[in-house]
Amino acid sequence: MVLSKTASESDVSIHSTFASRYVRNSLPRFEMPENSIPKEAAYQIINDELMLDGNPRLNLASFVTTWMEPECDKLMMESINKNYVDMDEYPVTTELQNRCVNMIARLFNAPLGDGEAAVGVGTVGSSEAIMLAGLAFKRQWQNKRKAQGLPYDKPNIVTGANVQVCWEKFARYFEVELKEVNLREDYYVMDPEKAVEMVDENTICVAAILGSTLTGEFEDVKLLNDLLVEKNKQTGWDTPIHVDAASGGFIAPFLYPELEWDFRLPLVKSINVSGHKYGLVYAGIGWVVWRTKTDLPDELIFHINYLGADQPTFTLNFSKGSSQVIAQYYQLIRLGFEGYRNVMDNCRENMMVLRQGLEKTGRFNIVSKENGVPLVAFSLKDSSRHNEFEVAETLRRFGWIVPAYTMPADAQHVTVLRVVIREDFSRTLAERLVADFEKVLHELDTLPARIHAKMANGKVNGVKKTPEETQREVTAYWKKLLETKKTNKNTIC
């Protein structure tokens, strides 16, 4: 969904230089035009505006795939008019989705017998997948509480404060309390011991992250499982685990096959993964798989027959395109286990090149770990003159989009930059990025400290501010500045 606002009265029309070969009149910006225009003009007008978008290859903030092979692009275009939900009309597409579900479930070591079908579904992304998994946990918990004659109106989920915003959306949309384990400096993932301490009889699940958005680190699902097994024995509860493997689900099986995080652990009942991240498909595809059929309540599955036959469905979205499902199947059979391992190995090698290059500058502290999602999160060793937000802003002049952000509670005084390494980020680009970082830092060093100079000697009630207070104030200033710039645009995503 896009929240939009109209522009000022002086900005109500769209003008295009090259489209004037076909049409001379400007178009209204927020109203449908009265008359048709030539297709060439419509294309050119839109193409001209899109030139102002950033280059996806240089968008190092995003985990989402930005390149696929031409053969897969062709398959996607040829299937773009197929409605994924119409199983009777497009049975082969449905079959391809089922194959993907089974491949992914087996990749995650689901306990399936010979010939047994896996339980799962393709989704628009991990956000929808998490909504579905959360609903399954909520309904399972409610059914059990009802059967025991116990209250079932105050469900909660235990997570780390580093969870992606989709977990907050689930909690708010479906009225589930979100109990977050706060972070601390130098420990930016959920502490399993603290998480288990927060579990109570109303906890529908504990959500662990395999690949934190903040630092790429894998949470210790094995330790969480073992601690939760003991607590369940002591209390008589059966609190389960969901693994949010949006980023790491297509990494861990290939780079860290011995790591126990998936259905090998008995309390892991469902897992989501983003096909459009390291599943190597363009944006718009996620997956959720359940351990067994009993982990997905039957009452959440709807049956429809108005598309030609009885069709079971469990999704929040109904009509949607088939292209991403077909593209996922292409990648799975095209690359195979060996191909995915090669891609992930290459991403990790390029991550190390960038990591080592940034360390050699002597200007950064590396916050992320070497193991995990291939990304580098880092902060300035000295932010007394210029901070990470200024570095990110200046770096955009070279075309790079590198986010700067603060950590969640209780580490919000820590600010970091983050570079995500995708398949299309080469060693050459890594070396060039390091060189551009050095240029940016040199340029900032020659400038006066625009913000810090004003704040460094500031006092509160006559007491000189601590470095931590100053850093928080500077961070708040830059966050507000960036938010103002976004608001000044016509749309907010």
Protein backbone atom coordinates (compact mmCIF):
# COMPACT_ATOMS: atom_id res chain seq x y z
CA MET A 1 0.00 0.00 0.00
CA VAL A 2 1.19 3.53 -0.78
CA LEU A 3 0.15 6.52 1.28
CA SER A 4 0.16 9.53 -1.00
CA LYS A 5 -0.42 13.25 -0.98
CA THR A 6 -1.06 15.62 -3.83
CA ALA A 7 1.54 18.10 -4.94
CA SER A 8 1.27 21.87 -4.81
CA GLU A 9 -0.81 23.75 -7.39
CA SER A 10 2.35 24.50 -9.37
CA ASP A 11 3.08 20.79 -9.77
CA VAL A 12 -0.18 19.36 -11.08
CA SER A 13 0.90 18.42 -14.61
CA ILE A 14 3.31 15.96 -16.19
CA HIS A 15 5.56 17.19 -18.99
CA SER A 16 7.83 15.06 -21.14
CA THR A 17 10.41 16.38 -23.59
CA PHE A 18 10.54 13.45 -25.99
CA ALA A 19 6.86 12.58 -25.72
CA SER A 20 6.16 16.00 -27.26
CA ARG A 21 6.90 14.36 -30.61
CA TYR A 22 3.55 12.62 -30.18
CA VAL A 23 1.53 14.88 -27.89
CA ARG A 24 1.91 18.58 -27.05
CA ASN A 25 -0.49 18.92 -24.14
CA SER A 26 0.64 18.17 -20.62
CA LEU A 27 -1.19 15.49 -18.64
CA PRO A 28 -2.94 16.00 -15.31
CA ARG A 29 -0.90 14.41 -12.53
CA PHE A 30 -3.66 13.21 -10.23
CA GLU A 31 -6.65 12.86 -12.54
CA MET A 32 -7.36 10.52 -15.43
CA PRO A 33 -6.86 12.46 -18.70
CA GLU A 34 -9.96 13.13 -20.79
CA ASN A 35 -8.46 11.82 -24.03
CA SER A 36 -6.28 8.93 -25.13
CA ILE A 37 -2.66 9.47 -26.12
CA PRO A 38 -0.44 7.40 -28.44
CA LYS A 39 1.14 4.32 -26.87
CA GLU A 40 4.59 5.67 -27.74
CA ALA A 41 3.88 8.83 -25.78
CA ALA A 42 2.58 6.92 -22.74
CA TYR A 43 5.69 4.76 -22.75
CA GLN A 44 8.05 7.70 -23.10
CA ILE A 45 6.39 9.77 -20.38
CA ILE A 46 6.65 6.93 -17.87
CA ASN A 47 10.15 5.94 -18.99
CA ASP A 48 11.37 9.52 -18.52
CA GLU A 49 10.12 9.63 -14.96
CA LEU A 50 11.54 6.21 -14.08
CA MET A 51 15.02 7.41 -15.06
CA LEU A 52 15.04 9.30 -11.77
CA ASP A 53 14.73 6.08 -9.76
CA GLY A 54 17.89 4.65 -8.24
CA ASN A 55 19.87 1.89 -9.94
CA PRO A 56 18.67 -1.44 -8.41
CA ARG A 57 22.16 -2.95 -8.75
CA LEU A 58 23.59 -0.16 -6.59
CA ASN A 59 20.82 -0.35 -3.99
CA LEU A 60 22.85 -2.02 -1.26
CA ALA A 61 20.08 -1.48 1.29
CA SER A 62 17.90 -4.20 -0.19
CA PHE A 63 18.04 -7.98 0.21
CA VAL A 64 15.73 -8.37 -2.79
CA THR A 65 16.97 -9.98 -6.02
CA THR A 66 17.67 -7.51 -8.83
CA TRP A 67 19.00 -9.83 -11.57
CA MET A 68 17.85 -13.07 -13.18
CA GLU A 69 18.84 -14.90 -16.33
CA PRO A 70 17.14 -13.83 -19.61
CA GLU A 71 15.55 -17.27 -19.96
CA CYS A 72 13.79 -16.80 -16.62
CA ASP A 73 12.76 -13.26 -17.56
CA LYS A 74 11.18 -14.73 -20.68
CA LEU A 75 9.30 -17.39 -18.70
CA MET A 76 7.97 -14.73 -16.35
CA MET A 77 6.70 -12.54 -19.17
CA GLU A 78 5.05 -15.50 -20.86
CA SER A 79 3.13 -16.35 -17.67
CA ILE A 80 2.40 -12.85 -16.43
CA ASN A 81 -1.29 -13.10 -17.40
CA LYS A 82 -1.94 -16.28 -15.40
CA ASN A 83 -3.83 -15.99 -12.12
CA TYR A 84 -1.98 -18.08 -9.57
CA VAL A 85 -5.10 -18.81 -7.52
CA ASP A 86 -7.06 -20.37 -10.42
CA MET A 87 -5.88 -23.93 -9.86
CA ASP A 88 -8.43 -25.56 -12.15
CA GLU A 89 -7.58 -23.36 -15.12
CA TYR A 90 -3.81 -23.48 -14.55
CA PRO A 91 -3.12 -26.92 -13.05
CA VAL A 92 0.51 -27.00 -14.19
CA THR A 93 1.27 -23.76 -12.35
CA THR A 94 -0.33 -25.29 -9.25
CA GLU A 95 1.83 -28.38 -9.71
CA LEU A 96 4.97 -26.22 -9.95
CA GLN A 97 4.01 -24.47 -6.71
CA ASN A 98 3.58 -27.83 -4.99
CA ARG A 99 6.97 -28.99 -6.25
CA CYS A 100 8.57 -25.84 -4.83
CA VAL A 101 6.88 -26.38 -1.45
CA ASN A 102 8.15 -29.96 -1.31
CA MET A 103 11.69 -29.03 -2.38
CA ILE A 104 11.88 -26.28 0.23
CA ALA A 105 10.38 -28.45 2.99
CA ARG A 106 12.96 -31.15 2.31
CA LEU A 107 15.72 -28.55 2.16
CA PHE A 108 14.63 -27.62 5.69
CA ASN A 109 14.62 -31.29 6.79
CA ALA A 110 10.87 -31.69 7.23
CA PRO A 111 10.11 -35.18 8.64
CA LEU A 112 8.43 -36.51 5.49
CA GLY A 113 8.05 -40.17 4.65
CA ASP A 114 8.51 -41.64 1.19
CA GLY A 115 5.91 -40.14 -1.12
CA GLU A 116 4.49 -37.92 1.63
CA ALA A 117 3.55 -34.41 0.51
CA ALA A 118 4.82 -31.39 2.38
CA VAL A 119 2.45 -28.80 3.84
CA GLY A 120 3.05 -25.24 2.70
CA VAL A 121 2.08 -22.46 0.34
CA GLY A 122 3.57 -19.75 -1.84
CA THR A 123 2.93 -16.20 -0.66
CA VAL A 124 3.50 -12.66 -1.90
CA GLY A 125 6.55 -12.44 0.41
CA SER A 126 7.66 -13.32 3.91
CA SER A 127 5.25 -10.78 5.37
CA GLU A 128 2.23 -12.77 4.20
CA ALA A 129 3.99 -16.00 5.15
CA ILE A 130 4.49 -14.75 8.71
CA MET A 131 0.86 -13.67 8.94
CA LEU A 132 -0.26 -17.18 7.95
CA ALA A 133 2.14 -18.91 10.34
CA GLY A 134 1.14 -16.60 13.17
CA LEU A 135 -2.55 -17.26 12.55
CA ALA A 136 -1.92 -21.01 12.66
CA PHE A 137 -0.15 -20.69 16.03
CA LYS A 138 -2.90 -18.44 17.41
CA ARG A 139 -5.66 -20.83 16.38
CA GLN A 140 -3.82 -23.90 17.70
CA TRP A 141 -3.30 -22.18 21.05
CA GLN A 142 -6.92 -20.98 21.21
CA ASN A 143 -8.29 -24.43 20.41
CA LYS A 144 -6.22 -26.02 23.15
CA ARG A 145 -7.18 -23.37 25.72
CA LYS A 146 -10.87 -23.75 24.86
CA ALA A 147 -10.64 -27.50 25.28
CA GLN A 148 -9.06 -26.99 28.72
CA GLY A 149 -11.67 -24.45 29.73
CA LEU A 150 -9.04 -21.72 30.08
CA PRO A 151 -9.10 -18.06 28.93
CA TYR A 152 -7.93 -17.59 25.36
CA ASP A 153 -8.22 -13.82 24.85
CA LYS A 154 -4.65 -12.69 25.60
CA PRO A 155 -2.22 -14.46 23.24
CA ASN A 156 1.36 -13.25 22.94
CA ILE A 157 4.47 -13.92 20.86
CA VAL A 158 8.02 -13.66 22.18
CA THR A 159 10.60 -12.19 19.78
CA GLY A 160 13.75 -10.14 19.79
CA ALA A 161 13.56 -6.37 19.37
CA ASN A 162 15.43 -6.89 16.10
CA VAL A 163 12.46 -8.47 14.31
CA GLN A 164 11.28 -7.12 10.97
CA VAL A 165 8.26 -4.79 11.01
CA CYS A 166 5.98 -7.51 9.60
CA TRP A 167 5.94 -9.10 13.08
CA GLU A 168 4.68 -5.85 14.54
CA LYS A 169 2.04 -5.74 11.82
CA PHE A 170 0.89 -9.26 12.64
CA ALA A 171 0.64 -8.45 16.33
CA ARG A 172 -1.36 -5.30 15.71
CA TYR A 173 -3.60 -6.62 12.93
CA PHE A 174 -4.48 -9.88 14.69
CA GLU A 175 -4.49 -8.65 18.29
CA VAL A 176 -1.52 -10.54 19.67
CA GLU A 177 0.79 -9.02 22.26
CA LEU A 178 4.38 -8.75 21.02
CA LYS A 179 6.84 -9.36 23.88
CA GLU A 180 10.27 -8.23 22.72
CA VAL A 181 13.63 -9.16 24.19
CA ASN A 182 15.66 -5.95 24.17
CA LEU A 183 19.11 -5.92 22.64
CA ARG A 184 22.32 -4.65 24.13
CA GLU A 185 25.53 -3.24 22.74
CA ASP A 186 27.63 -5.92 21.01
CA TYR A 187 24.69 -8.38 21.15
CA TYR A 188 22.20 -7.47 18.46
CA VAL A 189 20.02 -10.60 18.32
CA MET A 190 17.51 -12.23 20.65
CA ASP A 191 19.03 -13.77 23.76
CA PRO A 192 17.47 -17.30 23.97
CA GLU A 193 17.67 -17.38 27.77
CA LYS A 194 15.85 -14.08 28.16
CA ALA A 195 13.32 -15.13 25.53
CA VAL A 196 12.43 -18.33 27.38
CA GLU A 197 12.13 -16.39 30.65
CA MET A 198 9.43 -14.24 28.99
CA VAL A 199 7.38 -17.26 27.85
CA ASP A 200 4.15 -17.79 29.76
CA GLU A 201 0.97 -19.84 29.37
CA ASN A 202 -0.37 -17.35 26.82
CA THR A 203 2.65 -17.54 24.50
CA ILE A 204 1.55 -18.97 21.16
CA CYS A 205 5.14 -19.28 19.89
CA VAL A 206 8.66 -17.93 20.12
CA ALA A 207 9.86 -16.41 16.84
CA ALA A 208 13.56 -16.80 16.06
CA ILE A 209 15.30 -15.06 13.17
CA LEU A 210 17.71 -16.82 10.86
CA GLY A 211 19.41 -13.74 9.50
CA SER A 212 18.69 -10.53 11.37
CA THR A 213 17.90 -7.56 9.13
CA LEU A 214 20.16 -5.40 11.28
CA THR A 215 23.38 -7.42 11.19
CA GLY A 216 22.68 -10.62 9.23
CA GLU A 217 23.41 -12.72 12.31
CA PHE A 218 21.70 -16.09 12.84
CA GLU A 219 19.95 -16.47 16.18
CA ASP A 220 20.75 -19.59 18.18
CA VAL A 221 17.65 -21.66 17.40
CA LYS A 222 19.23 -24.85 18.77
CA LEU A 223 19.80 -23.31 22.21
CA LEU A 224 16.33 -21.78 22.14
CA ASN A 225 14.83 -25.18 21.36
CA ASP A 226 16.74 -26.92 24.16
CA LEU A 227 15.83 -24.28 26.76
CA LEU A 228 12.20 -24.30 25.68
CA VAL A 229 12.03 -28.11 25.83
CA GLU A 230 13.09 -27.92 29.49
CA LYS A 231 10.61 -25.16 30.30
CA ASN A 232 7.78 -27.08 28.62
CA LYS A 233 8.64 -30.13 30.74
CA GLN A 234 8.58 -28.07 33.93
CA THR A 235 5.34 -26.24 33.17
CA GLY A 236 3.38 -28.74 31.14
CA TRP A 237 3.09 -26.24 28.29
CA ASP A 238 3.95 -27.05 24.68
CA THR A 239 5.19 -23.66 23.46
CA PRO A 240 6.49 -24.06 19.88
CA ILE A 241 9.01 -22.17 17.71
CA HIS A 242 8.61 -20.42 14.40
CA VAL A 243 11.77 -19.63 12.43
CA ASP A 244 11.72 -16.46 10.36
CA ALA A 245 14.26 -17.53 7.75
CA ALA A 246 13.32 -14.80 5.28
CA SER A 247 16.97 -13.97 4.58
CA GLY A 248 18.86 -17.01 5.85
CA GLY A 249 16.69 -19.90 4.69
CA PHE A 250 18.34 -20.10 1.30
CA ILE A 251 21.81 -19.55 2.80
CA ALA A 252 22.21 -21.84 5.81
CA PRO A 253 21.54 -25.16 4.00
CA PHE A 254 24.31 -24.40 1.51
CA LEU A 255 26.95 -22.59 3.60
CA TYR A 256 26.29 -24.07 7.05
CA PRO A 257 24.71 -27.52 6.49
CA GLU A 258 25.64 -28.73 10.00
CA LEU A 259 23.86 -25.84 11.71
CA GLU A 260 20.70 -27.07 13.45
CA TRP A 261 17.99 -24.47 13.07
CA ASP A 262 15.22 -26.14 11.05
CA PHE A 263 12.81 -29.09 11.40
CA ARG A 264 15.61 -31.19 12.86
CA LEU A 265 14.66 -29.41 16.09
CA PRO A 266 11.41 -30.86 17.50
CA LEU A 267 9.82 -27.57 18.59
CA VAL A 268 10.22 -25.88 15.20
CA LYS A 269 6.70 -26.15 13.76
CA SER A 270 6.86 -23.72 10.83
CA ILE A 271 9.41 -21.81 8.76
CA ASN A 272 9.07 -18.93 6.33
CA VAL A 273 11.58 -17.95 3.65
CA SER A 274 11.71 -15.21 1.02
CA GLY A 275 12.11 -16.56 -2.48
CA HIS A 276 12.75 -13.00 -3.63
CA LYS A 277 15.82 -12.64 -1.42
CA TYR A 278 18.44 -15.38 -1.55
CA GLY A 279 15.92 -17.63 -3.29
CA LEU A 280 17.10 -15.52 -6.27
CA VAL A 281 13.69 -14.46 -7.65
CA TYR A 282 12.43 -10.94 -8.34
CA ALA A 283 10.30 -9.29 -5.65
CA GLY A 284 6.92 -10.85 -4.91
CA ILE A 285 7.43 -14.44 -3.71
CA GLY A 286 7.71 -16.00 -0.26
CA TRP A 287 7.08 -19.44 1.20
CA VAL A 288 5.82 -20.88 4.45
CA VAL A 289 6.07 -24.58 5.29
CA TRP A 290 4.77 -26.50 8.29
CA ARG A 291 6.35 -29.46 10.01
CA THR A 292 3.27 -31.69 9.66
CA LYS A 293 -0.36 -31.41 8.61
CA THR A 294 -1.44 -31.27 12.25
CA ASP A 295 0.45 -27.98 12.70
CA LEU A 296 -1.93 -26.20 10.31
CA PRO A 297 -5.50 -26.12 11.68
CA ASP A 298 -8.08 -27.31 9.16
CA GLU A 299 -10.46 -24.45 9.93
CA LEU A 300 -7.99 -21.96 8.43
CA ILE A 301 -8.19 -23.64 5.03
CA PHE A 302 -10.99 -22.41 2.77
CA HIS A 303 -12.57 -24.42 -0.03
CA ILE A 304 -13.98 -22.69 -3.10
CA ASN A 305 -15.63 -24.10 -6.20
CA TYR A 306 -16.56 -21.04 -8.26
CA LEU A 307 -13.40 -21.25 -10.37
CA GLY A 308 -14.35 -24.65 -11.78
CA ALA A 309 -13.56 -27.25 -9.10
CA ASP A 310 -13.09 -27.64 -5.36
CA GLN A 311 -9.93 -25.74 -4.48
CA PRO A 312 -8.38 -25.45 -1.01
CA THR A 313 -6.77 -22.11 -0.27
CA PHE A 314 -4.91 -20.61 2.70
CA THR A 315 -3.63 -17.17 1.79
CA LEU A 316 -4.37 -13.59 2.74
CA ASN A 317 -4.21 -12.57 -0.91
CA PHE A 318 -6.46 -14.15 -3.51
CA SER A 319 -5.75 -13.22 -7.12
CA LYS A 320 -2.07 -12.77 -7.92
CA GLY A 321 0.31 -13.48 -10.79
CA SER A 322 1.98 -16.81 -11.42
CA SER A 323 5.28 -15.43 -12.68
CA GLN A 324 7.22 -15.52 -9.41
CA VAL A 325 6.17 -19.10 -8.63
CA ILE A 326 7.34 -20.21 -12.06
CA ALA A 327 10.57 -18.25 -11.64
CA GLN A 328 11.22 -19.95 -8.28
CA TYR A 329 10.79 -23.37 -9.85
CA TYR A 330 13.16 -22.33 -12.66
CA GLN A 331 15.85 -21.34 -10.17
CA LEU A 332 15.47 -24.52 -8.12
CA ILE A 333 15.88 -26.85 -11.11
CA ARG A 334 18.31 -24.61 -13.02
CA LEU A 335 20.79 -24.20 -10.18
CA GLY A 336 20.18 -27.25 -8.05
CA PHE A 337 21.96 -27.68 -4.74
CA GLU A 338 25.37 -27.19 -6.34
CA GLY A 339 24.37 -23.97 -8.08
CA TYR A 340 22.85 -22.38 -4.99
CA ARG A 341 25.93 -23.33 -2.98
CA ASN A 342 28.18 -21.71 -5.60
CA VAL A 343 26.13 -18.49 -5.57
CA MET A 344 26.16 -18.30 -1.76
CA ASP A 345 29.89 -19.08 -1.63
CA ASN A 346 30.53 -16.27 -4.08
CA CYS A 347 28.39 -13.84 -2.05
CA ARG A 348 30.30 -14.74 1.09
CA GLU A 349 33.68 -14.27 -0.63
CA ASN A 350 32.66 -10.81 -1.88
CA MET A 351 31.41 -9.98 1.59
CA MET A 352 34.85 -10.78 2.98
CA VAL A 353 36.51 -8.59 0.31
CA LEU A 354 34.33 -5.66 1.35
CA ARG A 355 34.76 -6.37 5.06
CA GLN A 356 38.53 -6.50 4.80
CA GLY A 357 38.61 -3.40 2.60
CA LEU A 358 36.62 -1.39 5.14
CA GLU A 359 38.80 -2.64 7.99
CA LYS A 360 41.94 -1.51 6.12
CA THR A 361 40.67 2.07 6.00
CA GLY A 362 41.06 2.14 9.78
CA ARG A 363 37.90 4.22 10.05
CA PHE A 364 35.23 1.63 10.81
CA ASN A 365 34.24 -0.88 13.46
CA ILE A 366 32.68 -3.99 11.92
CA VAL A 367 29.46 -4.85 13.78
CA SER A 368 28.30 -7.88 11.77
CA LYS A 369 29.66 -11.42 12.10
CA GLU A 370 31.57 -13.33 9.41
CA ASN A 371 28.98 -16.13 9.55
CA GLY A 372 25.37 -15.45 8.64
CA VAL A 373 23.73 -13.53 5.81
CA PRO A 374 26.44 -12.10 3.52
CA LEU A 375 26.35 -8.47 4.55
CA VAL A 376 28.61 -6.00 6.30
CA ALA A 377 27.25 -3.78 9.06
CA PHE A 378 29.72 -1.23 10.40
CA SER A 379 30.01 2.04 12.28
CA LEU A 380 32.48 4.90 12.43
CA LYS A 381 35.21 4.59 15.02
CA ASP A 382 35.13 8.36 15.44
CA SER A 383 31.81 10.13 14.92
CA SER A 384 32.77 13.30 16.77
CA ARG A 385 32.83 15.37 13.56
CA HIS A 386 30.62 13.48 11.11
CA ASN A 387 28.28 10.58 11.62
CA GLU A 388 26.99 7.59 9.66
CA PHE A 389 23.97 9.47 8.30
CA GLU A 390 26.26 12.06 6.71
CA VAL A 391 28.39 9.31 5.20
CA ALA A 392 25.32 7.62 3.69
CA GLU A 393 23.98 10.91 2.35
CA THR A 394 27.28 11.87 0.73
CA LEU A 395 27.78 8.38 -0.72
CA ARG A 396 24.58 8.77 -2.78
CA ARG A 397 26.45 11.21 -5.02
CA PHE A 398 28.42 8.24 -6.30
CA GLY A 399 25.20 6.32 -7.04
CA TRP A 400 25.39 3.99 -4.02
CA ILE A 401 22.38 3.52 -1.75
CA VAL A 402 23.72 2.46 1.66
CA PRO A 403 21.37 2.77 4.65
CA ALA A 404 22.30 4.25 8.00
CA TYR A 405 20.11 3.41 10.98
CA THR A 406 20.03 3.10 14.74
CA MET A 407 19.68 -0.16 16.63
CA PRO A 408 16.48 -0.99 18.56
CA ALA A 409 16.12 -0.84 22.35
CA ASP A 410 18.35 -1.04 24.40
CA ALA A 411 21.11 -0.33 21.88
CA GLN A 412 19.54 2.68 20.17
CA HIS A 413 22.62 4.80 20.79
CA VAL A 414 24.51 2.63 18.25
CA THR A 415 24.31 3.80 14.62
CA VAL A 416 25.47 1.60 11.75
CA LEU A 417 25.78 1.48 7.98
CA ARG A 418 24.92 -1.76 6.18
CA VAL A 419 25.85 -3.21 2.80
CA VAL A 420 23.95 -6.30 1.60
CA ILE A 421 25.90 -8.58 -0.74
CA ARG A 422 23.67 -10.09 -3.44
CA GLU A 423 24.50 -12.32 -6.37
CA ASP A 424 24.93 -9.30 -8.67
CA PHE A 425 27.46 -7.57 -6.37
CA SER A 426 30.89 -8.45 -7.75
CA ARG A 427 34.38 -8.26 -6.28
CA THR A 428 35.04 -5.29 -8.58
CA LEU A 429 32.04 -3.44 -7.17
CA ALA A 430 33.18 -4.25 -3.63
CA GLU A 431 36.61 -2.75 -4.30
CA ARG A 432 35.05 0.29 -5.98
CA LEU A 433 32.71 0.82 -3.03
CA VAL A 434 35.64 0.84 -0.60
CA ALA A 435 37.40 3.42 -2.75
CA ASP A 436 34.27 5.59 -2.79
CA PHE A 437 33.96 5.30 0.99
CA GLU A 438 37.50 6.62 1.27
CA LYS A 439 36.64 9.54 -1.04
CA VAL A 440 33.57 10.38 1.00
CA LEU A 441 35.47 10.27 4.29
CA HIS A 442 38.24 12.46 2.86
CA GLU A 443 35.68 14.96 1.64
CA LEU A 444 33.86 15.04 4.97
CA ASP A 445 37.17 15.47 6.80
CA THR A 446 37.80 18.70 4.87
CA LEU A 447 34.40 20.13 5.81
CA PRO A 448 33.44 21.76 9.11
CA ALA A 449 31.48 19.56 11.45
CA ARG A 450 28.10 21.01 10.53
CA ILE A 451 26.02 19.42 13.26
CA HIS A 452 28.43 18.20 15.88
CA ALA A 453 30.16 21.56 16.24
CA LYS A 454 26.91 23.11 17.41
CA MET A 455 26.05 20.29 19.76
CA ALA A 456 29.40 19.27 21.21
CA ASN A 457 29.44 22.12 23.75
CA GLY A 458 25.73 21.95 24.46
CA LYS A 459 24.50 21.71 28.01
CA VAL A 460 21.31 20.48 29.62
CA ASN A 461 20.35 22.36 32.79
CA GLY A 462 23.89 23.65 32.98
CA VAL A 463 25.36 20.14 32.78
CA LYS A 464 27.56 19.25 29.84
CA LYS A 465 26.07 16.48 27.69
CA THR A 466 27.69 13.09 27.68
CA PRO A 467 29.05 11.72 24.36
CA GLU A 468 26.15 9.24 24.34
CA GLU A 469 23.57 12.03 24.73
CA THR A 470 25.23 14.02 21.98
CA GLN A 471 25.26 11.02 19.68
CA ARG A 472 21.56 10.38 20.33
CA GLU A 473 20.72 14.01 19.58
CA VAL A 474 22.70 13.96 16.35
CA THR A 475 21.11 10.68 15.33
CA ALA A 476 17.64 12.07 16.01
CA TYR A 477 18.46 15.16 13.91
CA TRP A 478 19.53 13.11 10.91
CA LYS A 479 16.61 10.71 11.18
CA LYS A 480 14.25 13.69 11.21
CA LEU A 481 16.07 15.23 8.25
CA LEU A 482 15.81 12.03 6.19
CA GLU A 483 12.14 11.60 7.09
CA THR A 484 11.49 15.20 5.99
CA LYS A 485 13.12 14.51 2.62
CA LYS A 486 10.94 11.44 2.13
CA THR A 487 7.80 13.38 3.09
CA ASN A 488 8.63 16.04 0.53
CA LYS A 489 8.27 13.45 -2.20
CA ASN A 490 4.81 12.70 -3.53
CA THR A 491 4.61 9.17 -2.15
CA ILE A 492 5.66 7.42 1.01
CA CYS A 493 6.17 3.65 0.75
